[in-house]
Amino acid sequence: MAEAVVVVALLLVAGAATAAVVNRDPVRQALVLSVLGTALAVLFTVDQAPDVGLSQLAVGSALTPLLIMLAVRKVKRRPAETGEDGEE
């Protein structure tokens, strides 16, 4: 039973990591990174490391994606303004 949970957690981690790499949109990458952090927390907890799992849950699932989303929002690209002579 425990081996099946480990295999499922590993497959979830592999799928989420692949999805994070394949996505090109930073907002979607942050959301997938949150799922990856949760999957890693589950994997650590199943592997008898609950302290590491709790740390991963706090940092990898909540804090890091939040910081990425705030940075993307702050650095959001604006259309180029034209100068007086009409050139960009």
Protein backbone atom coordinates (compact mmCIF):
# COMPACT_ATOMS: atom_id res chain seq x y z
CA MET A 1 0.00 0.00 0.00
CA ALA A 2 2.73 2.46 0.96
CA GLU A 3 4.66 1.66 -2.20
CA ALA A 4 1.62 2.48 -4.32
CA VAL A 5 1.29 5.89 -2.62
CA VAL A 6 4.99 6.59 -3.26
CA VAL A 7 4.62 5.62 -6.93
CA VAL A 8 1.54 7.84 -7.34
CA ALA A 9 3.34 10.76 -5.63
CA LEU A 10 6.40 10.29 -7.86
CA LEU A 11 4.23 10.25 -10.98
CA LEU A 12 2.47 13.40 -9.82
CA VAL A 13 5.81 15.10 -9.18
CA ALA A 14 7.13 14.06 -12.60
CA GLY A 15 3.97 15.26 -14.35
CA ALA A 16 3.88 18.59 -12.54
CA ALA A 17 7.58 19.22 -13.15
CA THR A 18 7.16 18.48 -16.85
CA ALA A 19 4.13 20.76 -17.04
CA ALA A 20 6.09 23.56 -15.34
CA VAL A 21 8.84 23.29 -17.94
CA VAL A 22 6.49 23.03 -20.93
CA ASN A 23 4.34 26.05 -20.01
CA ARG A 24 5.55 29.35 -21.45
CA ASP A 25 3.22 31.69 -19.55
CA PRO A 26 4.79 32.78 -16.23
CA VAL A 27 1.44 32.91 -14.44
CA ARG A 28 0.61 29.34 -15.43
CA GLN A 29 4.13 28.27 -14.49
CA ALA A 30 3.60 29.72 -11.02
CA LEU A 31 0.32 27.84 -10.64
CA VAL A 32 1.89 24.58 -11.79
CA LEU A 33 4.81 25.25 -9.44
CA SER A 34 2.30 25.42 -6.61
CA VAL A 35 0.94 22.01 -7.60
CA LEU A 36 4.50 20.69 -7.81
CA GLY A 37 5.26 21.98 -4.32
CA THR A 38 2.16 20.25 -2.97
CA ALA A 39 3.10 17.00 -4.69
CA LEU A 40 6.62 17.19 -3.27
CA ALA A 41 5.19 17.84 0.20
CA VAL A 42 3.06 14.72 -0.12
CA LEU A 43 6.07 12.74 -1.32
CA PHE A 44 8.22 13.91 1.59
CA THR A 45 5.47 13.11 4.07
CA VAL A 46 4.98 9.62 2.65
CA ASP A 47 8.74 9.07 2.83
CA GLN A 48 8.68 9.72 6.60
CA ALA A 49 9.99 13.30 6.48
CA PRO A 50 7.03 15.33 7.74
CA ASP A 51 9.16 18.29 8.82
CA VAL A 52 10.56 18.66 5.31
CA GLY A 53 7.06 18.15 3.92
CA LEU A 54 5.65 20.98 6.02
CA SER A 55 8.49 23.28 4.99
CA GLN A 56 7.92 22.39 1.34
CA LEU A 57 4.22 23.00 1.73
CA ALA A 58 4.81 26.48 3.13
CA VAL A 59 7.61 27.58 0.83
CA GLY A 60 7.13 25.58 -2.36
CA SER A 61 3.34 25.62 -2.51
CA ALA A 62 2.54 29.08 -1.22
CA LEU A 63 5.41 31.51 -0.86
CA THR A 64 7.43 30.95 -4.05
CA PRO A 65 4.45 30.98 -6.46
CA LEU A 66 3.09 34.07 -4.70
CA LEU A 67 6.40 35.90 -5.13
CA ILE A 68 6.58 34.88 -8.79
CA MET A 69 3.04 36.11 -9.45
CA LEU A 70 3.76 39.42 -7.69
CA ALA A 71 6.94 39.87 -9.73
CA VAL A 72 5.13 39.11 -12.99
CA ARG A 73 2.44 41.61 -12.07
CA LYS A 74 5.02 44.27 -11.26
CA VAL A 75 7.05 43.73 -14.45
CA LYS A 76 4.02 43.45 -16.71
CA ARG A 77 4.91 44.71 -20.17
CA ARG A 78 3.23 47.85 -21.39
CA PRO A 79 2.84 48.89 -25.01
CA ALA A 80 5.71 51.03 -26.26
CA GLU A 81 4.95 54.73 -26.22
CA THR A 82 5.66 56.67 -29.36
CA GLY A 83 7.90 59.72 -29.33
CA GLU A 84 7.19 63.17 -30.75
CA ASP A 85 8.38 62.18 -34.22
CA GLY A 86 6.24 59.04 -34.30
CA GLU A 87 9.14 56.63 -33.78
CA GLU A 88 9.29 54.16 -30.95
